[in-house]
Amino acid sequence: MANSLSARKRARQSERNRMANASQRSRMRTTIKQVISAIEGGDKTAAQSAFKVAVPAIDRSVSQGIMHRNKAARHKSRLNQHIQNMA
């Protein structure tokens, strides 16, 4: 446990930031899962609309430092490729 006053404050801040990051990460993952479920369901229009919602969520996670920009680009590229390959 932190002993000094500043270390206790830093521990409180770290916990608050951890909870906020977890919430943002969860929201971003949920949008990705919605795209994947629409793709697996075979509904191209639903997949495209879910993808349009997911892209800003992914980009937001990059700007907030939750996800690396290359990982975000990989996710967006793969999701888009799956949607384009749908019949």
PDB file of N, CA and C in Angstrom:
ATOM      1  N   MET A   1       0.844  -1.183   0.000  1.00  0.00           N
ATOM      2  CA  MET A   1       0.000   0.000   0.000  1.00  0.00           C
ATOM      3  C   MET A   1       0.884   1.238   0.000  1.00  0.00           C
ATOM      4  N   ALA A   2       0.401   2.279  -0.672  1.00  0.00           N
ATOM      5  CA  ALA A   2       1.156   3.524  -0.759  1.00  0.00           C
ATOM      6  C   ALA A   2       1.206   4.209   0.606  1.00  0.00           C
ATOM      7  N   ASN A   3       2.365   4.726   0.954  1.00  0.00           N
ATOM      8  CA  ASN A   3       2.539   5.339   2.263  1.00  0.00           C
ATOM      9  C   ASN A   3       2.465   6.855   2.216  1.00  0.00           C
ATOM     10  N   SER A   4       3.134   7.460   1.249  1.00  0.00           N
ATOM     11  CA  SER A   4       3.152   8.918   1.225  1.00  0.00           C
ATOM     12  C   SER A   4       1.840   9.466   0.668  1.00  0.00           C
ATOM     13  N   LEU A   5       1.581  10.711   0.944  1.00  0.00           N
ATOM     14  CA  LEU A   5       0.340  11.346   0.508  1.00  0.00           C
ATOM     15  C   LEU A   5       0.250  11.377  -1.015  1.00  0.00           C
ATOM     16  N   SER A   6       1.366  11.704  -1.665  1.00  0.00           N
ATOM     17  CA  SER A   6       1.354  11.787  -3.126  1.00  0.00           C
ATOM     18  C   SER A   6       1.192  10.399  -3.759  1.00  0.00           C
ATOM     19  N   ALA A   7       1.748   9.378  -3.110  1.00  0.00           N
ATOM     20  CA  ALA A   7       1.604   8.015  -3.635  1.00  0.00           C
ATOM     21  C   ALA A   7       0.162   7.532  -3.500  1.00  0.00           C
ATOM     22  N   ARG A   8      -0.511   7.936  -2.417  1.00  0.00           N
ATOM     23  CA  ARG A   8      -1.924   7.571  -2.241  1.00  0.00           C
ATOM     24  C   ARG A   8      -2.784   8.244  -3.309  1.00  0.00           C
ATOM     25  N   LYS A   9      -2.470   9.504  -3.578  1.00  0.00           N
ATOM     26  CA  LYS A   9      -3.222  10.224  -4.606  1.00  0.00           C
ATOM     27  C   LYS A   9      -2.993   9.581  -5.970  1.00  0.00           C
ATOM     28  N   ARG A  10      -1.753   9.218  -6.260  1.00  0.00           N
ATOM     29  CA  ARG A  10      -1.438   8.579  -7.535  1.00  0.00           C
ATOM     30  C   ARG A  10      -2.174   7.250  -7.658  1.00  0.00           C
ATOM     31  N   ALA A  11      -2.296   6.508  -6.572  1.00  0.00           N
ATOM     32  CA  ALA A  11      -3.028   5.241  -6.588  1.00  0.00           C
ATOM     33  C   ALA A  11      -4.502   5.476  -6.890  1.00  0.00           C
ATOM     34  N   ARG A  12      -5.082   6.521  -6.296  1.00  0.00           N
ATOM     35  CA  ARG A  12      -6.489   6.860  -6.578  1.00  0.00           C
ATOM     36  C   ARG A  12      -6.660   7.246  -8.039  1.00  0.00           C
ATOM     37  N   GLN A  13      -5.742   8.047  -8.558  1.00  0.00           N
ATOM     38  CA  GLN A  13      -5.825   8.469  -9.950  1.00  0.00           C
ATOM     39  C   GLN A  13      -5.676   7.282 -10.898  1.00  0.00           C
ATOM     40  N   SER A  14      -4.756   6.382 -10.578  1.00  0.00           N
ATOM     41  CA  SER A  14      -4.537   5.209 -11.423  1.00  0.00           C
ATOM     42  C   SER A  14      -5.772   4.329 -11.479  1.00  0.00           C
ATOM     43  N   GLU A  15      -6.418   4.149 -10.345  1.00  0.00           N
ATOM     44  CA  GLU A  15      -7.634   3.332 -10.308  1.00  0.00           C
ATOM     45  C   GLU A  15      -8.749   3.980 -11.118  1.00  0.00           C
ATOM     46  N   ARG A  16      -8.901   5.292 -10.979  1.00  0.00           N
ATOM     47  CA  ARG A  16      -9.935   6.009 -11.733  1.00  0.00           C
ATOM     48  C   ARG A  16      -9.665   5.920 -13.236  1.00  0.00           C
ATOM     49  N   ASN A  17      -8.408   6.087 -13.635  1.00  0.00           N
ATOM     50  CA  ASN A  17      -8.046   5.986 -15.048  1.00  0.00           C
ATOM     51  C   ASN A  17      -8.223   4.572 -15.569  1.00  0.00           C
ATOM     52  N   ARG A  18      -7.920   3.578 -14.738  1.00  0.00           N
ATOM     53  CA  ARG A  18      -8.077   2.184 -15.154  1.00  0.00           C
ATOM     54  C   ARG A  18      -9.540   1.867 -15.440  1.00  0.00           C
ATOM     55  N   MET A  19     -10.421   2.361 -14.570  1.00  0.00           N
ATOM     56  CA  MET A  19     -11.845   2.116 -14.769  1.00  0.00           C
ATOM     57  C   MET A  19     -12.350   2.819 -16.034  1.00  0.00           C
ATOM     58  N   ALA A  20     -11.897   4.027 -16.281  1.00  0.00           N
ATOM     59  CA  ALA A  20     -12.319   4.757 -17.483  1.00  0.00           C
ATOM     60  C   ALA A  20     -11.807   4.065 -18.738  1.00  0.00           C
ATOM     61  N   ASN A  21     -10.566   3.604 -18.711  1.00  0.00           N
ATOM     62  CA  ASN A  21     -10.005   2.904 -19.864  1.00  0.00           C
ATOM     63  C   ASN A  21     -10.735   1.599 -20.123  1.00  0.00           C
ATOM     64  N   ALA A  22     -11.091   0.879 -19.062  1.00  0.00           N
ATOM     65  CA  ALA A  22     -11.813  -0.377 -19.220  1.00  0.00           C
ATOM     66  C   ALA A  22     -13.175  -0.138 -19.852  1.00  0.00           C
ATOM     67  N   SER A  23     -13.829   0.927 -19.458  1.00  0.00           N
ATOM     68  CA  SER A  23     -15.135   1.250 -20.024  1.00  0.00           C
ATOM     69  C   SER A  23     -15.026   1.570 -21.509  1.00  0.00           C
ATOM     70  N   GLN A  24     -14.059   2.379 -21.877  1.00  0.00           N
ATOM     71  CA  GLN A  24     -13.866   2.735 -23.286  1.00  0.00           C
ATOM     72  C   GLN A  24     -13.488   1.513 -24.113  1.00  0.00           C
ATOM     73  N   ARG A  25     -12.624   0.671 -23.554  1.00  0.00           N
ATOM     74  CA  ARG A  25     -12.199  -0.543 -24.260  1.00  0.00           C
ATOM     75  C   ARG A  25     -13.378  -1.469 -24.487  1.00  0.00           C
ATOM     76  N   SER A  26     -14.229  -1.604 -23.473  1.00  0.00           N
ATOM     77  CA  SER A  26     -15.403  -2.459 -23.575  1.00  0.00           C
ATOM     78  C   SER A  26     -16.365  -1.939 -24.640  1.00  0.00           C
ATOM     79  N   ARG A  27     -16.584  -0.641 -24.663  1.00  0.00           N
ATOM     80  CA  ARG A  27     -17.483  -0.042 -25.656  1.00  0.00           C
ATOM     81  C   ARG A  27     -16.964  -0.279 -27.067  1.00  0.00           C
ATOM     82  N   MET A  28     -15.642  -0.123 -27.249  1.00  0.00           N
ATOM     83  CA  MET A  28     -15.041  -0.327 -28.563  1.00  0.00           C
ATOM     84  C   MET A  28     -15.157  -1.790 -28.997  1.00  0.00           C
ATOM     85  N   ARG A  29     -14.912  -2.708 -28.068  1.00  0.00           N
ATOM     86  CA  ARG A  29     -15.003  -4.131 -28.393  1.00  0.00           C
ATOM     87  C   ARG A  29     -16.427  -4.532 -28.723  1.00  0.00           C
ATOM     88  N   THR A  30     -17.397  -3.912 -28.051  1.00  0.00           N
ATOM     89  CA  THR A  30     -18.797  -4.209 -28.326  1.00  0.00           C
ATOM     90  C   THR A  30     -19.163  -3.809 -29.748  1.00  0.00           C
ATOM     91  N   THR A  31     -18.689  -2.646 -30.200  1.00  0.00           N
ATOM     92  CA  THR A  31     -18.999  -2.221 -31.562  1.00  0.00           C
ATOM     93  C   THR A  31     -18.371  -3.162 -32.587  1.00  0.00           C
ATOM     94  N   ILE A  32     -17.168  -3.650 -32.292  1.00  0.00           N
ATOM     95  CA  ILE A  32     -16.517  -4.594 -33.200  1.00  0.00           C
ATOM     96  C   ILE A  32     -17.308  -5.903 -33.255  1.00  0.00           C
ATOM     97  N   LYS A  33     -17.773  -6.370 -32.091  1.00  0.00           N
ATOM     98  CA  LYS A  33     -18.546  -7.607 -32.050  1.00  0.00           C
ATOM     99  C   LYS A  33     -19.865  -7.472 -32.790  1.00  0.00           C
ATOM    100  N   GLN A  34     -20.459  -6.270 -32.766  1.00  0.00           N
ATOM    101  CA  GLN A  34     -21.697  -6.060 -33.504  1.00  0.00           C
ATOM    102  C   GLN A  34     -21.465  -6.183 -34.998  1.00  0.00           C
ATOM    103  N   VAL A  35     -20.329  -5.695 -35.488  1.00  0.00           N
ATOM    104  CA  VAL A  35     -19.990  -5.834 -36.905  1.00  0.00           C
ATOM    105  C   VAL A  35     -19.793  -7.302 -37.248  1.00  0.00           C
ATOM    106  N   ILE A  36     -19.073  -8.020 -36.394  1.00  0.00           N
ATOM    107  CA  ILE A  36     -18.797  -9.429 -36.647  1.00  0.00           C
ATOM    108  C   ILE A  36     -20.084 -10.243 -36.660  1.00  0.00           C
ATOM    109  N   SER A  37     -20.990  -9.958 -35.730  1.00  0.00           N
ATOM    110  CA  SER A  37     -22.243 -10.710 -35.701  1.00  0.00           C
ATOM    111  C   SER A  37     -23.095 -10.405 -36.924  1.00  0.00           C
ATOM    112  N   ALA A  38     -23.059  -9.172 -37.425  1.00  0.00           N
ATOM    113  CA  ALA A  38     -23.798  -8.830 -38.640  1.00  0.00           C
ATOM    114  C   ALA A  38     -23.189  -9.537 -39.850  1.00  0.00           C
ATOM    115  N   ILE A  39     -21.874  -9.644 -39.873  1.00  0.00           N
ATOM    116  CA  ILE A  39     -21.203 -10.352 -40.973  1.00  0.00           C
ATOM    117  C   ILE A  39     -21.573 -11.827 -40.944  1.00  0.00           C
ATOM    118  N   GLU A  40     -21.526 -12.423 -39.747  1.00  0.00           N
ATOM    119  CA  GLU A  40     -21.859 -13.843 -39.631  1.00  0.00           C
ATOM    120  C   GLU A  40     -23.335 -14.105 -39.934  1.00  0.00           C
ATOM    121  N   GLY A  41     -24.181 -13.104 -39.669  1.00  0.00           N
ATOM    122  CA  GLY A  41     -25.596 -13.241 -39.974  1.00  0.00           C
ATOM    123  C   GLY A  41     -25.888 -13.131 -41.459  1.00  0.00           C
ATOM    124  N   GLY A  42     -24.943 -12.617 -42.224  1.00  0.00           N
ATOM    125  CA  GLY A  42     -25.105 -12.528 -43.666  1.00  0.00           C
ATOM    126  C   GLY A  42     -25.827 -11.277 -44.133  1.00  0.00           C
ATOM    127  N   ASP A  43     -26.067 -10.334 -43.260  1.00  0.00           N
ATOM    128  CA  ASP A  43     -26.774  -9.107 -43.614  1.00  0.00           C
ATOM    129  C   ASP A  43     -25.754  -8.017 -43.929  1.00  0.00           C
ATOM    130  N   LYS A  44     -25.550  -7.767 -45.222  1.00  0.00           N
ATOM    131  CA  LYS A  44     -24.503  -6.834 -45.632  1.00  0.00           C
ATOM    132  C   LYS A  44     -24.833  -5.401 -45.238  1.00  0.00           C
ATOM    133  N   THR A  45     -26.090  -4.984 -45.360  1.00  0.00           N
ATOM    134  CA  THR A  45     -26.437  -3.610 -45.027  1.00  0.00           C
ATOM    135  C   THR A  45     -26.288  -3.360 -43.525  1.00  0.00           C
ATOM    136  N   ALA A  46     -26.668  -4.354 -42.708  1.00  0.00           N
ATOM    137  CA  ALA A  46     -26.489  -4.216 -41.260  1.00  0.00           C
ATOM    138  C   ALA A  46     -25.009  -4.189 -40.909  1.00  0.00           C
ATOM    139  N   ALA A  47     -24.213  -4.985 -41.608  1.00  0.00           N
ATOM    140  CA  ALA A  47     -22.775  -5.005 -41.361  1.00  0.00           C
ATOM    141  C   ALA A  47     -22.152  -3.665 -41.726  1.00  0.00           C
ATOM    142  N   GLN A  48     -22.597  -3.085 -42.834  1.00  0.00           N
ATOM    143  CA  GLN A  48     -22.050  -1.790 -43.239  1.00  0.00           C
ATOM    144  C   GLN A  48     -22.425  -0.693 -42.257  1.00  0.00           C
ATOM    145  N   SER A  49     -23.668  -0.706 -41.789  1.00  0.00           N
ATOM    146  CA  SER A  49     -24.076   0.323 -40.834  1.00  0.00           C
ATOM    147  C   SER A  49     -23.370   0.138 -39.494  1.00  0.00           C
ATOM    148  N   ALA A  50     -23.171  -1.104 -39.066  1.00  0.00           N
ATOM    149  CA  ALA A  50     -22.436  -1.369 -37.829  1.00  0.00           C
ATOM    150  C   ALA A  50     -20.971  -0.963 -37.981  1.00  0.00           C
ATOM    151  N   PHE A  51     -20.421  -1.152 -39.171  1.00  0.00           N
ATOM    152  CA  PHE A  51     -19.043  -0.768 -39.440  1.00  0.00           C
ATOM    153  C   PHE A  51     -18.883   0.751 -39.358  1.00  0.00           C
ATOM    154  N   LYS A  52     -19.891   1.482 -39.843  1.00  0.00           N
ATOM    155  CA  LYS A  52     -19.838   2.950 -39.776  1.00  0.00           C
ATOM    156  C   LYS A  52     -19.884   3.451 -38.340  1.00  0.00           C
ATOM    157  N   VAL A  53     -20.482   2.675 -37.450  1.00  0.00           N
ATOM    158  CA  VAL A  53     -20.497   3.032 -36.034  1.00  0.00           C
ATOM    159  C   VAL A  53     -19.180   2.626 -35.368  1.00  0.00           C
ATOM    160  N   ALA A  54     -18.618   1.499 -35.821  1.00  0.00           N
ATOM    161  CA  ALA A  54     -17.416   0.957 -35.186  1.00  0.00           C
ATOM    162  C   ALA A  54     -16.165   1.766 -35.506  1.00  0.00           C
ATOM    163  N   VAL A  55     -16.072   2.303 -36.714  1.00  0.00           N
ATOM    164  CA  VAL A  55     -14.854   3.012 -37.120  1.00  0.00           C
ATOM    165  C   VAL A  55     -14.565   4.216 -36.220  1.00  0.00           C
ATOM    166  N   PRO A  56     -15.548   5.091 -35.941  1.00  0.00           N
ATOM    167  CA  PRO A  56     -15.229   6.193 -35.023  1.00  0.00           C
ATOM    168  C   PRO A  56     -14.888   5.722 -33.612  1.00  0.00           C
ATOM    169  N   ALA A  57     -15.502   4.628 -33.176  1.00  0.00           N
ATOM    170  CA  ALA A  57     -15.190   4.098 -31.845  1.00  0.00           C
ATOM    171  C   ALA A  57     -13.752   3.597 -31.793  1.00  0.00           C
ATOM    172  N   ILE A  58     -13.314   2.947 -32.857  1.00  0.00           N
ATOM    173  CA  ILE A  58     -11.932   2.463 -32.925  1.00  0.00           C
ATOM    174  C   ILE A  58     -10.967   3.649 -32.969  1.00  0.00           C
ATOM    175  N   ASP A  59     -11.291   4.644 -33.792  1.00  0.00           N
ATOM    176  CA  ASP A  59     -10.430   5.820 -33.894  1.00  0.00           C
ATOM    177  C   ASP A  59     -10.361   6.580 -32.569  1.00  0.00           C
ATOM    178  N   ARG A  60     -11.482   6.621 -31.855  1.00  0.00           N
ATOM    179  CA  ARG A  60     -11.509   7.299 -30.553  1.00  0.00           C
ATOM    180  C   ARG A  60     -10.590   6.586 -29.571  1.00  0.00           C
ATOM    181  N   SER A  61     -10.573   5.251 -29.624  1.00  0.00           N
ATOM    182  CA  SER A  61      -9.709   4.507 -28.707  1.00  0.00           C
ATOM    183  C   SER A  61      -8.235   4.764 -29.014  1.00  0.00           C
ATOM    184  N   VAL A  62      -7.921   5.020 -30.283  1.00  0.00           N
ATOM    185  CA  VAL A  62      -6.540   5.352 -30.639  1.00  0.00           C
ATOM    186  C   VAL A  62      -6.172   6.721 -30.087  1.00  0.00           C
ATOM    187  N   SER A  63      -7.063   7.692 -30.251  1.00  0.00           N
ATOM    188  CA  SER A  63      -6.741   9.040 -29.797  1.00  0.00           C
ATOM    189  C   SER A  63      -6.654   9.125 -28.276  1.00  0.00           C
ATOM    190  N   GLN A  64      -7.342   8.229 -27.588  1.00  0.00           N
ATOM    191  CA  GLN A  64      -7.286   8.206 -26.131  1.00  0.00           C
ATOM    192  C   GLN A  64      -6.162   7.328 -25.600  1.00  0.00           C
ATOM    193  N   GLY A  65      -5.418   6.691 -26.488  1.00  0.00           N
ATOM    194  CA  GLY A  65      -4.274   5.894 -26.075  1.00  0.00           C
ATOM    195  C   GLY A  65      -4.623   4.507 -25.582  1.00  0.00           C
ATOM    196  N   ILE A  66      -5.820   4.028 -25.895  1.00  0.00           N
ATOM    197  CA  ILE A  66      -6.240   2.709 -25.439  1.00  0.00           C
ATOM    198  C   ILE A  66      -5.766   1.622 -26.405  1.00  0.00           C
ATOM    199  N   MET A  67      -5.683   1.968 -27.683  1.00  0.00           N
ATOM    200  CA  MET A  67      -5.273   1.009 -28.706  1.00  0.00           C
ATOM    201  C   MET A  67      -4.207   1.660 -29.586  1.00  0.00           C
ATOM    202  N   HIS A  68      -3.273   0.866 -30.046  1.00  0.00           N
ATOM    203  CA  HIS A  68      -2.236   1.358 -30.943  1.00  0.00           C
ATOM    204  C   HIS A  68      -2.831   1.603 -32.330  1.00  0.00           C
ATOM    205  N   ARG A  69      -2.300   2.600 -33.027  1.00  0.00           N
ATOM    206  CA  ARG A  69      -2.895   2.976 -34.313  1.00  0.00           C
ATOM    207  C   ARG A  69      -2.770   1.874 -35.354  1.00  0.00           C
ATOM    208  N   ASN A  70      -1.717   1.089 -35.305  1.00  0.00           N
ATOM    209  CA  ASN A  70      -1.567   0.009 -36.275  1.00  0.00           C
ATOM    210  C   ASN A  70      -2.574  -1.112 -36.013  1.00  0.00           C
ATOM    211  N   LYS A  71      -2.837  -1.392 -34.754  1.00  0.00           N
ATOM    212  CA  LYS A  71      -3.834  -2.397 -34.410  1.00  0.00           C
ATOM    213  C   LYS A  71      -5.212  -1.938 -34.849  1.00  0.00           C
ATOM    214  N   ALA A  72      -5.497  -0.657 -34.667  1.00  0.00           N
ATOM    215  CA  ALA A  72      -6.788  -0.113 -35.085  1.00  0.00           C
ATOM    216  C   ALA A  72      -6.938  -0.211 -36.599  1.00  0.00           C
ATOM    217  N   ALA A  73      -5.887   0.123 -37.313  1.00  0.00           N
ATOM    218  CA  ALA A  73      -5.926   0.046 -38.774  1.00  0.00           C
ATOM    219  C   ALA A  73      -6.125  -1.404 -39.227  1.00  0.00           C
ATOM    220  N   ARG A  74      -5.502  -2.323 -38.528  1.00  0.00           N
ATOM    221  CA  ARG A  74      -5.656  -3.745 -38.863  1.00  0.00           C
ATOM    222  C   ARG A  74      -7.095  -4.193 -38.649  1.00  0.00           C
ATOM    223  N   HIS A  75      -7.698  -3.801 -37.532  1.00  0.00           N
ATOM    224  CA  HIS A  75      -9.089  -4.164 -37.256  1.00  0.00           C
ATOM    225  C   HIS A  75     -10.016  -3.600 -38.327  1.00  0.00           C
ATOM    226  N   LYS A  76      -9.865  -2.321 -38.632  1.00  0.00           N
ATOM    227  CA  LYS A  76     -10.733  -1.681 -39.610  1.00  0.00           C
ATOM    228  C   LYS A  76     -10.571  -2.327 -40.979  1.00  0.00           C
ATOM    229  N   SER A  77      -9.339  -2.614 -41.358  1.00  0.00           N
ATOM    230  CA  SER A  77      -9.071  -3.210 -42.657  1.00  0.00           C
ATOM    231  C   SER A  77      -9.690  -4.602 -42.768  1.00  0.00           C
ATOM    232  N   ARG A  78      -9.527  -5.410 -41.740  1.00  0.00           N
ATOM    233  CA  ARG A  78     -10.058  -6.771 -41.787  1.00  0.00           C
ATOM    234  C   ARG A  78     -11.576  -6.793 -41.771  1.00  0.00           C
ATOM    235  N   LEU A  79     -12.177  -5.939 -40.949  1.00  0.00           N
ATOM    236  CA  LEU A  79     -13.637  -5.877 -40.921  1.00  0.00           C
ATOM    237  C   LEU A  79     -14.177  -5.431 -42.275  1.00  0.00           C
ATOM    238  N   ASN A  80     -13.559  -4.410 -42.842  1.00  0.00           N
ATOM    239  CA  ASN A  80     -13.993  -3.910 -44.141  1.00  0.00           C
ATOM    240  C   ASN A  80     -13.818  -4.974 -45.219  1.00  0.00           C
ATOM    241  N   GLN A  81     -12.741  -5.727 -45.145  1.00  0.00           N
ATOM    242  CA  GLN A  81     -12.500  -6.783 -46.126  1.00  0.00           C
ATOM    243  C   GLN A  81     -13.557  -7.877 -46.026  1.00  0.00           C
ATOM    244  N   HIS A  82     -13.940  -8.227 -44.815  1.00  0.00           N
ATOM    245  CA  HIS A  82     -14.998  -9.230 -44.628  1.00  0.00           C
ATOM    246  C   HIS A  82     -16.313  -8.731 -45.213  1.00  0.00           C
ATOM    247  N   ILE A  83     -16.603  -7.459 -44.998  1.00  0.00           N
ATOM    248  CA  ILE A  83     -17.853  -6.904 -45.526  1.00  0.00           C
ATOM    249  C   ILE A  83     -17.828  -6.884 -47.056  1.00  0.00           C
ATOM    250  N   GLN A  84     -16.701  -6.524 -47.631  1.00  0.00           N
ATOM    251  CA  GLN A  84     -16.597  -6.476 -49.107  1.00  0.00           C
ATOM    252  C   GLN A  84     -16.704  -7.862 -49.722  1.00  0.00           C
ATOM    253  N   ASN A  85     -16.270  -8.882 -48.983  1.00  0.00           N
ATOM    254  CA  ASN A  85     -16.314 -10.253 -49.515  1.00  0.00           C
ATOM    255  C   ASN A  85     -17.668 -10.921 -49.358  1.00  0.00           C
ATOM    256  N   MET A  86     -18.602 -10.224 -48.712  1.00  0.00           N
ATOM    257  CA  MET A  86     -19.934 -10.806 -48.557  1.00  0.00           C
ATOM    258  C   MET A  86     -20.655 -10.834 -49.904  1.00  0.00           C
ATOM    259  N   ALA A  87     -21.485 -11.847 -50.092  1.00  0.00           N
ATOM    260  CA  ALA A  87     -22.185 -11.994 -51.366  1.00  0.00           C
ATOM    261  C   ALA A  87     -23.309 -10.997 -51.505  1.00  0.00           C
TER     262      ALA A  87
END
